[in-house]
Amino acid sequence: MKLKLDENLGLRGKGLLVQAGHDVVTVHEQGLRGASDEALFSICAGERRALITLDRGFGHVLRFPPQQSAGIVVIQHSAPLSGAALLDRLQDFLSLLELNPLDGKLWVVEPGRVRIHVDR
């Protein structure tokens, strides 16, 4: 799967996702730091890359319709998010990804559960 890590994640977790067989790029690697959320959403949609982010704003389905994307993954966390906690959330994401398609959906990954928003 093609994934993009938002700038709020940097390179954290990239190795885990690549090791699981995914094509992963970061906002920083593509020179997109500081891009507006709308621009980032549009770029991800054009590249058919699912966005993984800590930005809860991407959970607003009217502003960022998941069905117009390759998928959006919002990692929920309590501040501060430790590296170990982030890796745990990404592992939860990977486990669910083996059984469920992400394309066109919003996944909110929380400690111990993943909520999936499906357009009706």
PDB file of N, CA and C in Angstrom:
ATOM      1  N   MET A   1       0.842  -1.175   0.000  1.00  0.00           N
ATOM      2  CA  MET A   1       0.000   0.000   0.000  1.00  0.00           C
ATOM      3  C   MET A   1       0.885   1.234   0.000  1.00  0.00           C
ATOM      4  N   LYS A   2       0.423   2.276  -0.660  1.00  0.00           N
ATOM      5  CA  LYS A   2       1.149   3.537  -0.708  1.00  0.00           C
ATOM      6  C   LYS A   2       0.678   4.422   0.452  1.00  0.00           C
ATOM      7  N   LEU A   3       1.636   4.841   1.290  1.00  0.00           N
ATOM      8  CA  LEU A   3       1.328   5.635   2.479  1.00  0.00           C
ATOM      9  C   LEU A   3       2.176   6.892   2.505  1.00  0.00           C
ATOM     10  N   LYS A   4       1.638   7.939   3.137  1.00  0.00           N
ATOM     11  CA  LYS A   4       2.395   9.164   3.375  1.00  0.00           C
ATOM     12  C   LYS A   4       2.285   9.507   4.853  1.00  0.00           C
ATOM     13  N   LEU A   5       3.430   9.745   5.488  1.00  0.00           N
ATOM     14  CA  LEU A   5       3.457  10.171   6.885  1.00  0.00           C
ATOM     15  C   LEU A   5       3.455  11.691   6.929  1.00  0.00           C
ATOM     16  N   ASP A   6       2.524  12.248   7.672  1.00  0.00           N
ATOM     17  CA  ASP A   6       2.412  13.697   7.823  1.00  0.00           C
ATOM     18  C   ASP A   6       3.646  14.244   8.537  1.00  0.00           C
ATOM     19  N   GLU A   7       3.851  15.541   8.418  1.00  0.00           N
ATOM     20  CA  GLU A   7       5.040  16.153   9.018  1.00  0.00           C
ATOM     21  C   GLU A   7       5.053  16.040  10.538  1.00  0.00           C
ATOM     22  N   ASN A   8       3.900  15.884  11.169  1.00  0.00           N
ATOM     23  CA  ASN A   8       3.877  15.746  12.623  1.00  0.00           C
ATOM     24  C   ASN A   8       4.377  14.385  13.082  1.00  0.00           C
ATOM     25  N   LEU A   9       4.603  13.473  12.148  1.00  0.00           N
ATOM     26  CA  LEU A   9       5.180  12.171  12.470  1.00  0.00           C
ATOM     27  C   LEU A   9       6.654  12.088  12.068  1.00  0.00           C
ATOM     28  N   GLY A  10       7.064  12.917  11.134  1.00  0.00           N
ATOM     29  CA  GLY A  10       8.438  12.866  10.663  1.00  0.00           C
ATOM     30  C   GLY A  10       8.755  11.488  10.120  1.00  0.00           C
ATOM     31  N   LEU A  11       9.877  10.923  10.550  1.00  0.00           N
ATOM     32  CA  LEU A  11      10.276   9.584  10.118  1.00  0.00           C
ATOM     33  C   LEU A  11       9.847   8.509  11.106  1.00  0.00           C
ATOM     34  N   ARG A  12       9.258   8.934  12.234  1.00  0.00           N
ATOM     35  CA  ARG A  12       8.867   7.956  13.253  1.00  0.00           C
ATOM     36  C   ARG A  12       7.872   6.954  12.668  1.00  0.00           C
ATOM     37  N   GLY A  13       8.191   5.711  12.775  1.00  0.00           N
ATOM     38  CA  GLY A  13       7.303   4.658  12.317  1.00  0.00           C
ATOM     39  C   GLY A  13       7.515   4.236  10.871  1.00  0.00           C
ATOM     40  N   LYS A  14       8.287   5.017  10.102  1.00  0.00           N
ATOM     41  CA  LYS A  14       8.474   4.678   8.688  1.00  0.00           C
ATOM     42  C   LYS A  14       9.089   3.288   8.544  1.00  0.00           C
ATOM     43  N   GLY A  15      10.102   2.983   9.336  1.00  0.00           N
ATOM     44  CA  GLY A  15      10.769   1.687   9.235  1.00  0.00           C
ATOM     45  C   GLY A  15       9.811   0.528   9.451  1.00  0.00           C
ATOM     46  N   LEU A  16       8.931   0.646  10.428  1.00  0.00           N
ATOM     47  CA  LEU A  16       7.949  -0.407  10.719  1.00  0.00           C
ATOM     48  C   LEU A  16       7.027  -0.624   9.524  1.00  0.00           C
ATOM     49  N   LEU A  17       6.567   0.455   8.920  1.00  0.00           N
ATOM     50  CA  LEU A  17       5.651   0.361   7.788  1.00  0.00           C
ATOM     51  C   LEU A  17       6.346  -0.198   6.546  1.00  0.00           C
ATOM     52  N   VAL A  18       7.581   0.228   6.316  1.00  0.00           N
ATOM     53  CA  VAL A  18       8.347  -0.284   5.174  1.00  0.00           C
ATOM     54  C   VAL A  18       8.634  -1.770   5.370  1.00  0.00           C
ATOM     55  N   GLN A  19       9.003  -2.139   6.589  1.00  0.00           N
ATOM     56  CA  GLN A  19       9.287  -3.548   6.891  1.00  0.00           C
ATOM     57  C   GLN A  19       8.060  -4.423   6.646  1.00  0.00           C
ATOM     58  N   ALA A  20       6.878  -3.851   6.819  1.00  0.00           N
ATOM     59  CA  ALA A  20       5.637  -4.591   6.583  1.00  0.00           C
ATOM     60  C   ALA A  20       5.285  -4.643   5.091  1.00  0.00           C
ATOM     61  N   GLY A  21       6.136  -4.054   4.249  1.00  0.00           N
ATOM     62  CA  GLY A  21       5.946  -4.165   2.808  1.00  0.00           C
ATOM     63  C   GLY A  21       5.259  -3.003   2.133  1.00  0.00           C
ATOM     64  N   HIS A  22       5.132  -1.879   2.823  1.00  0.00           N
ATOM     65  CA  HIS A  22       4.425  -0.733   2.259  1.00  0.00           C
ATOM     66  C   HIS A  22       5.391   0.279   1.648  1.00  0.00           C
ATOM     67  N   ASP A  23       4.901   1.006   0.659  1.00  0.00           N
ATOM     68  CA  ASP A  23       5.627   2.087  -0.006  1.00  0.00           C
ATOM     69  C   ASP A  23       5.332   3.354   0.798  1.00  0.00           C
ATOM     70  N   VAL A  24       6.335   3.855   1.528  1.00  0.00           N
ATOM     71  CA  VAL A  24       6.111   4.957   2.465  1.00  0.00           C
ATOM     72  C   VAL A  24       7.000   6.144   2.118  1.00  0.00           C
ATOM     73  N   VAL A  25       6.384   7.318   2.028  1.00  0.00           N
ATOM     74  CA  VAL A  25       7.117   8.574   1.901  1.00  0.00           C
ATOM     75  C   VAL A  25       6.631   9.503   2.997  1.00  0.00           C
ATOM     76  N   THR A  26       7.426  10.517   3.282  1.00  0.00           N
ATOM     77  CA  THR A  26       7.033  11.491   4.295  1.00  0.00           C
ATOM     78  C   THR A  26       6.819  12.855   3.649  1.00  0.00           C
ATOM     79  N   VAL A  27       6.037  13.667   4.321  1.00  0.00           N
ATOM     80  CA  VAL A  27       5.811  15.039   3.883  1.00  0.00           C
ATOM     81  C   VAL A  27       7.158  15.759   3.785  1.00  0.00           C
ATOM     82  N   HIS A  28       8.012  15.542   4.765  1.00  0.00           N
ATOM     83  CA  HIS A  28       9.326  16.189   4.775  1.00  0.00           C
ATOM     84  C   HIS A  28      10.164  15.767   3.571  1.00  0.00           C
ATOM     85  N   GLU A  29      10.202  14.478   3.274  1.00  0.00           N
ATOM     86  CA  GLU A  29      10.992  13.982   2.139  1.00  0.00           C
ATOM     87  C   GLU A  29      10.539  14.585   0.818  1.00  0.00           C
ATOM     88  N   GLN A  30       9.266  14.890   0.703  1.00  0.00           N
ATOM     89  CA  GLN A  30       8.719  15.432  -0.535  1.00  0.00           C
ATOM     90  C   GLN A  30       8.730  16.958  -0.566  1.00  0.00           C
ATOM     91  N   GLY A  31       9.317  17.581   0.456  1.00  0.00           N
ATOM     92  CA  GLY A  31       9.386  19.037   0.483  1.00  0.00           C
ATOM     93  C   GLY A  31       8.039  19.709   0.672  1.00  0.00           C
ATOM     94  N   LEU A  32       7.138  19.038   1.384  1.00  0.00           N
ATOM     95  CA  LEU A  32       5.780  19.562   1.579  1.00  0.00           C
ATOM     96  C   LEU A  32       5.550  20.144   2.971  1.00  0.00           C
ATOM     97  N   ARG A  33       6.619  20.287   3.747  1.00  0.00           N
ATOM     98  CA  ARG A  33       6.453  20.856   5.091  1.00  0.00           C
ATOM     99  C   ARG A  33       5.805  22.225   4.991  1.00  0.00           C
ATOM    100  N   GLY A  34       4.811  22.450   5.834  1.00  0.00           N
ATOM    101  CA  GLY A  34       4.105  23.726   5.838  1.00  0.00           C
ATOM    102  C   GLY A  34       2.967  23.812   4.841  1.00  0.00           C
ATOM    103  N   ALA A  35       2.763  22.777   4.046  1.00  0.00           N
ATOM    104  CA  ALA A  35       1.637  22.781   3.099  1.00  0.00           C
ATOM    105  C   ALA A  35       0.327  22.802   3.890  1.00  0.00           C
ATOM    106  N   SER A  36      -0.680  23.447   3.334  1.00  0.00           N
ATOM    107  CA  SER A  36      -1.977  23.483   4.004  1.00  0.00           C
ATOM    108  C   SER A  36      -2.558  22.075   4.049  1.00  0.00           C
ATOM    109  N   ASP A  37      -3.462  21.859   4.988  1.00  0.00           N
ATOM    110  CA  ASP A  37      -4.120  20.553   5.087  1.00  0.00           C
ATOM    111  C   ASP A  37      -4.860  20.219   3.791  1.00  0.00           C
ATOM    112  N   GLU A  38      -5.506  21.225   3.198  1.00  0.00           N
ATOM    113  CA  GLU A  38      -6.252  21.002   1.967  1.00  0.00           C
ATOM    114  C   GLU A  38      -5.314  20.591   0.828  1.00  0.00           C
ATOM    115  N   ALA A  39      -4.164  21.254   0.739  1.00  0.00           N
ATOM    116  CA  ALA A  39      -3.187  20.904  -0.303  1.00  0.00           C
ATOM    117  C   ALA A  39      -2.659  19.484  -0.078  1.00  0.00           C
ATOM    118  N   LEU A  40      -2.356  19.158   1.167  1.00  0.00           N
ATOM    119  CA  LEU A  40      -1.841  17.824   1.474  1.00  0.00           C
ATOM    120  C   LEU A  40      -2.876  16.750   1.137  1.00  0.00           C
ATOM    121  N   PHE A  41      -4.122  16.990   1.477  1.00  0.00           N
ATOM    122  CA  PHE A  41      -5.197  16.051   1.161  1.00  0.00           C
ATOM    123  C   PHE A  41      -5.283  15.836  -0.348  1.00  0.00           C
ATOM    124  N   SER A  42      -5.229  16.917  -1.097  1.00  0.00           N
ATOM    125  CA  SER A  42      -5.315  16.850  -2.556  1.00  0.00           C
ATOM    126  C   SER A  42      -4.120  16.102  -3.151  1.00  0.00           C
ATOM    127  N   ILE A  43      -2.925  16.369  -2.635  1.00  0.00           N
ATOM    128  CA  ILE A  43      -1.723  15.701  -3.124  1.00  0.00           C
ATOM    129  C   ILE A  43      -1.805  14.198  -2.846  1.00  0.00           C
ATOM    130  N   CYS A  44      -2.202  13.844  -1.642  1.00  0.00           N
ATOM    131  CA  CYS A  44      -2.337  12.421  -1.296  1.00  0.00           C
ATOM    132  C   CYS A  44      -3.358  11.735  -2.200  1.00  0.00           C
ATOM    133  N   ALA A  45      -4.473  12.403  -2.450  1.00  0.00           N
ATOM    134  CA  ALA A  45      -5.506  11.834  -3.317  1.00  0.00           C
ATOM    135  C   ALA A  45      -4.954  11.631  -4.723  1.00  0.00           C
ATOM    136  N   GLY A  46      -4.225  12.603  -5.237  1.00  0.00           N
ATOM    137  CA  GLY A  46      -3.646  12.501  -6.569  1.00  0.00           C
ATOM    138  C   GLY A  46      -2.612  11.395  -6.680  1.00  0.00           C
ATOM    139  N   GLU A  47      -1.864  11.174  -5.618  1.00  0.00           N
ATOM    140  CA  GLU A  47      -0.838  10.117  -5.592  1.00  0.00           C
ATOM    141  C   GLU A  47      -1.426   8.753  -5.232  1.00  0.00           C
ATOM    142  N   ARG A  48      -2.685   8.742  -4.818  1.00  0.00           N
ATOM    143  CA  ARG A  48      -3.348   7.534  -4.306  1.00  0.00           C
ATOM    144  C   ARG A  48      -2.576   6.962  -3.118  1.00  0.00           C
ATOM    145  N   ARG A  49      -2.125   7.870  -2.236  1.00  0.00           N
ATOM    146  CA  ARG A  49      -1.438   7.498  -1.001  1.00  0.00           C
ATOM    147  C   ARG A  49      -2.370   7.783   0.170  1.00  0.00           C
ATOM    148  N   ALA A  50      -2.469   6.838   1.075  1.00  0.00           N
ATOM    149  CA  ALA A  50      -3.216   7.054   2.309  1.00  0.00           C
ATOM    150  C   ALA A  50      -2.353   7.911   3.232  1.00  0.00           C
ATOM    151  N   LEU A  51      -2.981   8.852   3.895  1.00  0.00           N
ATOM    152  CA  LEU A  51      -2.283   9.754   4.812  1.00  0.00           C
ATOM    153  C   LEU A  51      -2.373   9.217   6.232  1.00  0.00           C
ATOM    154  N   ILE A  52      -1.232   9.171   6.913  1.00  0.00           N
ATOM    155  CA  ILE A  52      -1.189   8.836   8.335  1.00  0.00           C
ATOM    156  C   ILE A  52      -0.749  10.087   9.065  1.00  0.00           C
ATOM    157  N   THR A  53      -1.538  10.526  10.048  1.00  0.00           N
ATOM    158  CA  THR A  53      -1.307  11.806  10.695  1.00  0.00           C
ATOM    159  C   THR A  53      -1.706  11.786  12.171  1.00  0.00           C
ATOM    160  N   LEU A  54      -1.192  12.746  12.900  1.00  0.00           N
ATOM    161  CA  LEU A  54      -1.635  12.989  14.273  1.00  0.00           C
ATOM    162  C   LEU A  54      -2.672  14.112  14.310  1.00  0.00           C
ATOM    163  N   ASP A  55      -2.885  14.759  13.188  1.00  0.00           N
ATOM    164  CA  ASP A  55      -3.758  15.931  13.077  1.00  0.00           C
ATOM    165  C   ASP A  55      -5.219  15.507  13.073  1.00  0.00           C
ATOM    166  N   ARG A  56      -5.909  15.769  14.170  1.00  0.00           N
ATOM    167  CA  ARG A  56      -7.321  15.382  14.300  1.00  0.00           C
ATOM    168  C   ARG A  56      -8.222  16.107  13.312  1.00  0.00           C
ATOM    169  N   GLY A  57      -7.742  17.213  12.762  1.00  0.00           N
ATOM    170  CA  GLY A  57      -8.520  17.946  11.773  1.00  0.00           C
ATOM    171  C   GLY A  57      -8.870  17.105  10.556  1.00  0.00           C
ATOM    172  N   PHE A  58      -8.012  16.144  10.216  1.00  0.00           N
ATOM    173  CA  PHE A  58      -8.289  15.273   9.076  1.00  0.00           C
ATOM    174  C   PHE A  58      -9.444  14.312   9.371  1.00  0.00           C
ATOM    175  N   GLY A  59      -9.919  14.292  10.591  1.00  0.00           N
ATOM    176  CA  GLY A  59     -11.084  13.485  10.950  1.00  0.00           C
ATOM    177  C   GLY A  59     -12.404  14.146  10.619  1.00  0.00           C
ATOM    178  N   HIS A  60     -12.371  15.390  10.137  1.00  0.00           N
ATOM    179  CA  HIS A  60     -13.586  16.102   9.760  1.00  0.00           C
ATOM    180  C   HIS A  60     -13.975  15.673   8.338  1.00  0.00           C
ATOM    181  N   VAL A  61     -14.926  14.753   8.258  1.00  0.00           N
ATOM    182  CA  VAL A  61     -15.249  14.109   6.982  1.00  0.00           C
ATOM    183  C   VAL A  61     -15.903  15.043   5.970  1.00  0.00           C
ATOM    184  N   LEU A  62     -16.499  16.125   6.404  1.00  0.00           N
ATOM    185  CA  LEU A  62     -17.069  17.070   5.437  1.00  0.00           C
ATOM    186  C   LEU A  62     -15.965  17.899   4.791  1.00  0.00           C
ATOM    187  N   ARG A  63     -14.941  18.205   5.547  1.00  0.00           N
ATOM    188  CA  ARG A  63     -13.799  18.986   5.030  1.00  0.00           C
ATOM    189  C   ARG A  63     -12.857  18.105   4.220  1.00  0.00           C
ATOM    190  N   PHE A  64     -12.643  16.873   4.682  1.00  0.00           N
ATOM    191  CA  PHE A  64     -11.741  15.921   4.033  1.00  0.00           C
ATOM    192  C   PHE A  64     -12.491  14.607   3.799  1.00  0.00           C
ATOM    193  N   PRO A  65     -13.300  14.538   2.744  1.00  0.00           N
ATOM    194  CA  PRO A  65     -14.113  13.341   2.501  1.00  0.00           C
ATOM    195  C   PRO A  65     -13.228  12.118   2.227  1.00  0.00           C
ATOM    196  N   PRO A  66     -13.244  11.143   3.116  1.00  0.00           N
ATOM    197  CA  PRO A  66     -12.372   9.991   2.937  1.00  0.00           C
ATOM    198  C   PRO A  66     -12.624   9.237   1.641  1.00  0.00           C
ATOM    199  N   GLN A  67     -13.869   9.236   1.164  1.00  0.00           N
ATOM    200  CA  GLN A  67     -14.185   8.506  -0.059  1.00  0.00           C
ATOM    201  C   GLN A  67     -13.491   9.106  -1.280  1.00  0.00           C
ATOM    202  N   GLN A  68     -12.942  10.304  -1.156  1.00  0.00           N
ATOM    203  CA  GLN A  68     -12.196  10.937  -2.241  1.00  0.00           C
ATOM    204  C   GLN A  68     -10.691  10.720  -2.084  1.00  0.00           C
ATOM    205  N   SER A  69     -10.321   9.783  -1.236  1.00  0.00           N
ATOM    206  CA  SER A  69      -8.904   9.558  -0.942  1.00  0.00           C
ATOM    207  C   SER A  69      -8.581   8.071  -0.960  1.00  0.00           C
ATOM    208  N   ALA A  70      -7.294   7.790  -0.823  1.00  0.00           N
ATOM    209  CA  ALA A  70      -6.846   6.394  -0.672  1.00  0.00           C
ATOM    210  C   ALA A  70      -6.981   5.954   0.776  1.00  0.00           C
ATOM    211  N   GLY A  71      -7.461   6.854   1.626  1.00  0.00           N
ATOM    212  CA  GLY A  71      -7.662   6.564   3.036  1.00  0.00           C
ATOM    213  C   GLY A  71      -6.952   7.578   3.908  1.00  0.00           C
ATOM    214  N   ILE A  72      -7.499   7.766   5.098  1.00  0.00           N
ATOM    215  CA  ILE A  72      -6.927   8.674   6.094  1.00  0.00           C
ATOM    216  C   ILE A  72      -6.843   7.907   7.402  1.00  0.00           C
ATOM    217  N   VAL A  73      -5.682   7.979   8.049  1.00  0.00           N
ATOM    218  CA  VAL A  73      -5.476   7.337   9.341  1.00  0.00           C
ATOM    219  C   VAL A  73      -5.075   8.422  10.333  1.00  0.00           C
ATOM    220  N   VAL A  74      -5.919   8.647  11.326  1.00  0.00           N
ATOM    221  CA  VAL A  74      -5.622   9.613  12.381  1.00  0.00           C
ATOM    222  C   VAL A  74      -5.220   8.834  13.625  1.00  0.00           C
ATOM    223  N   ILE A  75      -4.015   9.075  14.081  1.00  0.00           N
ATOM    224  CA  ILE A  75      -3.506   8.435  15.294  1.00  0.00           C
ATOM    225  C   ILE A  75      -3.915   9.310  16.482  1.00  0.00           C
ATOM    226  N   GLN A  76      -4.806   8.798  17.327  1.00  0.00           N
ATOM    227  CA  GLN A  76      -5.220   9.521  18.536  1.00  0.00           C
ATOM    228  C   GLN A  76      -4.196   9.246  19.636  1.00  0.00           C
ATOM    229  N   HIS A  77      -3.937  10.244  20.428  1.00  0.00           N
ATOM    230  CA  HIS A  77      -2.926  10.092  21.469  1.00  0.00           C
ATOM    231  C   HIS A  77      -3.166  11.093  22.579  1.00  0.00           C
ATOM    232  N   SER A  78      -2.544  10.803  23.696  1.00  0.00           N
ATOM    233  CA  SER A  78      -2.509  11.786  24.767  1.00  0.00           C
ATOM    234  C   SER A  78      -1.107  12.382  24.745  1.00  0.00           C
ATOM    235  N   ALA A  79      -1.024  13.638  25.049  1.00  0.00           N
ATOM    236  CA  ALA A  79       0.290  14.307  24.992  1.00  0.00           C
ATOM    237  C   ALA A  79       1.104  13.947  26.214  1.00  0.00           C
ATOM    238  N   PRO A  80       2.368  13.806  26.114  1.00  0.00           N
ATOM    239  CA  PRO A  80       3.114  13.662  24.867  1.00  0.00           C
ATOM    240  C   PRO A  80       3.044  12.223  24.365  1.00  0.00           C
ATOM    241  N   LEU A  81       3.148  12.078  23.070  1.00  0.00           N
ATOM    242  CA  LEU A  81       3.125  10.745  22.457  1.00  0.00           C
ATOM    243  C   LEU A  81       4.549  10.200  22.428  1.00  0.00           C
ATOM    244  N   SER A  82       4.769   9.105  23.135  1.00  0.00           N
ATOM    245  CA  SER A  82       6.103   8.505  23.144  1.00  0.00           C
ATOM    246  C   SER A  82       6.314   7.725  21.854  1.00  0.00           C
ATOM    247  N   GLY A  83       7.565   7.480  21.531  1.00  0.00           N
ATOM    248  CA  GLY A  83       7.885   6.674  20.362  1.00  0.00           C
ATOM    249  C   GLY A  83       7.298   5.281  20.459  1.00  0.00           C
ATOM    250  N   ALA A  84       7.346   4.697  21.656  1.00  0.00           N
ATOM    251  CA  ALA A  84       6.803   3.350  21.856  1.00  0.00           C
ATOM    252  C   ALA A  84       5.284   3.338  21.651  1.00  0.00           C
ATOM    253  N   ALA A  85       4.597   4.359  22.131  1.00  0.00           N
ATOM    254  CA  ALA A  85       3.139   4.427  21.969  1.00  0.00           C
ATOM    255  C   ALA A  85       2.769   4.591  20.501  1.00  0.00           C
ATOM    256  N   LEU A  86       3.538   5.398  19.768  1.00  0.00           N
ATOM    257  CA  LEU A  86       3.279   5.564  18.342  1.00  0.00           C
ATOM    258  C   LEU A  86       3.458   4.235  17.613  1.00  0.00           C
ATOM    259  N   LEU A  87       4.523   3.533  17.909  1.00  0.00           N
ATOM    260  CA  LEU A  87       4.750   2.234  17.265  1.00  0.00           C
ATOM    261  C   LEU A  87       3.633   1.245  17.599  1.00  0.00           C
ATOM    262  N   ASP A  88       3.119   1.298  18.818  1.00  0.00           N
ATOM    263  CA  ASP A  88       1.983   0.444  19.197  1.00  0.00           C
ATOM    264  C   ASP A  88       0.757   0.769  18.344  1.00  0.00           C
ATOM    265  N   ARG A  89       0.463   2.072  18.164  1.00  0.00           N
ATOM    266  CA  ARG A  89      -0.695   2.470  17.357  1.00  0.00           C
ATOM    267  C   ARG A  89      -0.500   2.037  15.905  1.00  0.00           C
ATOM    268  N   LEU A  90       0.711   2.179  15.382  1.00  0.00           N
ATOM    269  CA  LEU A  90       0.972   1.772  14.008  1.00  0.00           C
ATOM    270  C   LEU A  90       0.868   0.256  13.854  1.00  0.00           C
ATOM    271  N   GLN A  91       1.273  -0.480  14.866  1.00  0.00           N
ATOM    272  CA  GLN A  91       1.131  -1.935  14.818  1.00  0.00           C
ATOM    273  C   GLN A  91      -0.350  -2.323  14.821  1.00  0.00           C
ATOM    274  N   ASP A  92      -1.164  -1.616  15.614  1.00  0.00           N
ATOM    275  CA  ASP A  92      -2.617  -1.845  15.595  1.00  0.00           C
ATOM    276  C   ASP A  92      -3.168  -1.597  14.192  1.00  0.00           C
ATOM    277  N   PHE A  93      -2.716  -0.509  13.582  1.00  0.00           N
ATOM    278  CA  PHE A  93      -3.128  -0.167  12.220  1.00  0.00           C
ATOM    279  C   PHE A  93      -2.749  -1.284  11.244  1.00  0.00           C
ATOM    280  N   LEU A  94      -1.507  -1.752  11.311  1.00  0.00           N
ATOM    281  CA  LEU A  94      -1.044  -2.798  10.404  1.00  0.00           C
ATOM    282  C   LEU A  94      -1.828  -4.093  10.576  1.00  0.00           C
ATOM    283  N   SER A  95      -2.140  -4.439  11.811  1.00  0.00           N
ATOM    284  CA  SER A  95      -2.899  -5.663  12.078  1.00  0.00           C
ATOM    285  C   SER A  95      -4.278  -5.605  11.433  1.00  0.00           C
ATOM    286  N   LEU A  96      -4.924  -4.473  11.546  1.00  0.00           N
ATOM    287  CA  LEU A  96      -6.259  -4.324  10.969  1.00  0.00           C
ATOM    288  C   LEU A  96      -6.200  -4.233   9.448  1.00  0.00           C
ATOM    289  N   LEU A  97      -5.135  -3.628   8.931  1.00  0.00           N
ATOM    290  CA  LEU A  97      -4.989  -3.466   7.491  1.00  0.00           C
ATOM    291  C   LEU A  97      -4.919  -4.815   6.775  1.00  0.00           C
ATOM    292  N   GLU A  98      -4.429  -5.832   7.462  1.00  0.00           N
ATOM    293  CA  GLU A  98      -4.356  -7.170   6.864  1.00  0.00           C
ATOM    294  C   GLU A  98      -5.741  -7.730   6.554  1.00  0.00           C
ATOM    295  N   LEU A  99      -6.758  -7.259   7.281  1.00  0.00           N
ATOM    296  CA  LEU A  99      -8.109  -7.812   7.149  1.00  0.00           C
ATOM    297  C   LEU A  99      -9.115  -6.871   6.500  1.00  0.00           C
ATOM    298  N   ASN A 100      -8.793  -5.572   6.452  1.00  0.00           N
ATOM    299  CA  ASN A 100      -9.761  -4.578   5.997  1.00  0.00           C
ATOM    300  C   ASN A 100      -9.123  -3.597   5.027  1.00  0.00           C
ATOM    301  N   PRO A 101      -9.828  -3.256   3.945  1.00  0.00           N
ATOM    302  CA  PRO A 101      -9.301  -2.240   3.036  1.00  0.00           C
ATOM    303  C   PRO A 101      -9.426  -0.845   3.640  1.00  0.00           C
ATOM    304  N   LEU A 102      -8.432  -0.020   3.412  1.00  0.00           N
ATOM    305  CA  LEU A 102      -8.418   1.354   3.912  1.00  0.00           C
ATOM    306  C   LEU A 102      -8.978   2.329   2.884  1.00  0.00           C
ATOM    307  N   ASP A 103      -8.880   1.994   1.620  1.00  0.00           N
ATOM    308  CA  ASP A 103      -9.239   2.901   0.538  1.00  0.00           C
ATOM    309  C   ASP A 103     -10.614   3.540   0.754  1.00  0.00           C
ATOM    310  N   GLY A 104     -10.641   4.874   0.734  1.00  0.00           N
ATOM    311  CA  GLY A 104     -11.893   5.605   0.857  1.00  0.00           C
ATOM    312  C   GLY A 104     -12.474   5.679   2.254  1.00  0.00           C
ATOM    313  N   LYS A 105     -11.678   5.312   3.253  1.00  0.00           N
ATOM    314  CA  LYS A 105     -12.183   5.305   4.629  1.00  0.00           C
ATOM    315  C   LYS A 105     -11.316   6.167   5.536  1.00  0.00           C
ATOM    316  N   LEU A 106     -11.899   6.554   6.658  1.00  0.00           N
ATOM    317  CA  LEU A 106     -11.191   7.232   7.736  1.00  0.00           C
ATOM    318  C   LEU A 106     -11.064   6.248   8.885  1.00  0.00           C
ATOM    319  N   TRP A 107      -9.830   6.012   9.314  1.00  0.00           N
ATOM    320  CA  TRP A 107      -9.580   5.176  10.485  1.00  0.00           C
ATOM    321  C   TRP A 107      -9.022   6.060  11.586  1.00  0.00           C
ATOM    322  N   VAL A 108      -9.594   5.959  12.761  1.00  0.00           N
ATOM    323  CA  VAL A 108      -9.077   6.655  13.934  1.00  0.00           C
ATOM    324  C   VAL A 108      -8.507   5.574  14.849  1.00  0.00           C
ATOM    325  N   VAL A 109      -7.179   5.584  14.998  1.00  0.00           N
ATOM    326  CA  VAL A 109      -6.475   4.555  15.760  1.00  0.00           C
ATOM    327  C   VAL A 109      -6.238   5.082  17.168  1.00  0.00           C
ATOM    328  N   GLU A 110      -6.870   4.427  18.133  1.00  0.00           N
ATOM    329  CA  GLU A 110      -6.766   4.811  19.538  1.00  0.00           C
ATOM    330  C   GLU A 110      -6.130   3.658  20.314  1.00  0.00           C
ATOM    331  N   PRO A 111      -5.686   3.923  21.522  1.00  0.00           N
ATOM    332  CA  PRO A 111      -5.167   2.802  22.321  1.00  0.00           C
ATOM    333  C   PRO A 111      -6.246   1.732  22.503  1.00  0.00           C
ATOM    334  N   GLY A 112      -5.987   0.533  22.014  1.00  0.00           N
ATOM    335  CA  GLY A 112      -6.903  -0.585  22.211  1.00  0.00           C
ATOM    336  C   GLY A 112      -8.047  -0.714  21.239  1.00  0.00           C
ATOM    337  N   ARG A 113      -8.199   0.236  20.294  1.00  0.00           N
ATOM    338  CA  ARG A 113      -9.284   0.106  19.325  1.00  0.00           C
ATOM    339  C   ARG A 113      -9.037   0.987  18.104  1.00  0.00           C
ATOM    340  N   VAL A 114      -9.726   0.626  17.029  1.00  0.00           N
ATOM    341  CA  VAL A 114      -9.681   1.408  15.801  1.00  0.00           C
ATOM    342  C   VAL A 114     -11.120   1.665  15.380  1.00  0.00           C
ATOM    343  N   ARG A 115     -11.455   2.928  15.207  1.00  0.00           N
ATOM    344  CA  ARG A 115     -12.785   3.296  14.720  1.00  0.00           C
ATOM    345  C   ARG A 115     -12.686   3.539  13.219  1.00  0.00           C
ATOM    346  N   ILE A 116     -13.604   2.972  12.455  1.00  0.00           N
ATOM    347  CA  ILE A 116     -13.605   3.108  11.012  1.00  0.00           C
ATOM    348  C   ILE A 116     -14.862   3.842  10.585  1.00  0.00           C
ATOM    349  N   HIS A 117     -14.659   4.973   9.891  1.00  0.00           N
ATOM    350  CA  HIS A 117     -15.789   5.735   9.379  1.00  0.00           C
ATOM    351  C   HIS A 117     -16.030   5.279   7.939  1.00  0.00           C
ATOM    352  N   VAL A 118     -17.225   4.823   7.699  1.00  0.00           N
ATOM    353  CA  VAL A 118     -17.611   4.363   6.374  1.00  0.00           C
ATOM    354  C   VAL A 118     -18.688   5.300   5.853  1.00  0.00           C
ATOM    355  N   ASP A 119     -18.512   5.816   4.647  1.00  0.00           N
ATOM    356  CA  ASP A 119     -19.504   6.693   4.031  1.00  0.00           C
ATOM    357  C   ASP A 119     -20.759   5.895   3.734  1.00  0.00           C
ATOM    358  N   ARG A 120     -21.867   6.430   4.121  1.00  0.00           N
ATOM    359  CA  ARG A 120     -23.147   5.741   3.885  1.00  0.00           C
ATOM    360  C   ARG A 120     -23.929   6.400   2.805  1.00  0.00           C
TER     361      ARG A 120
END
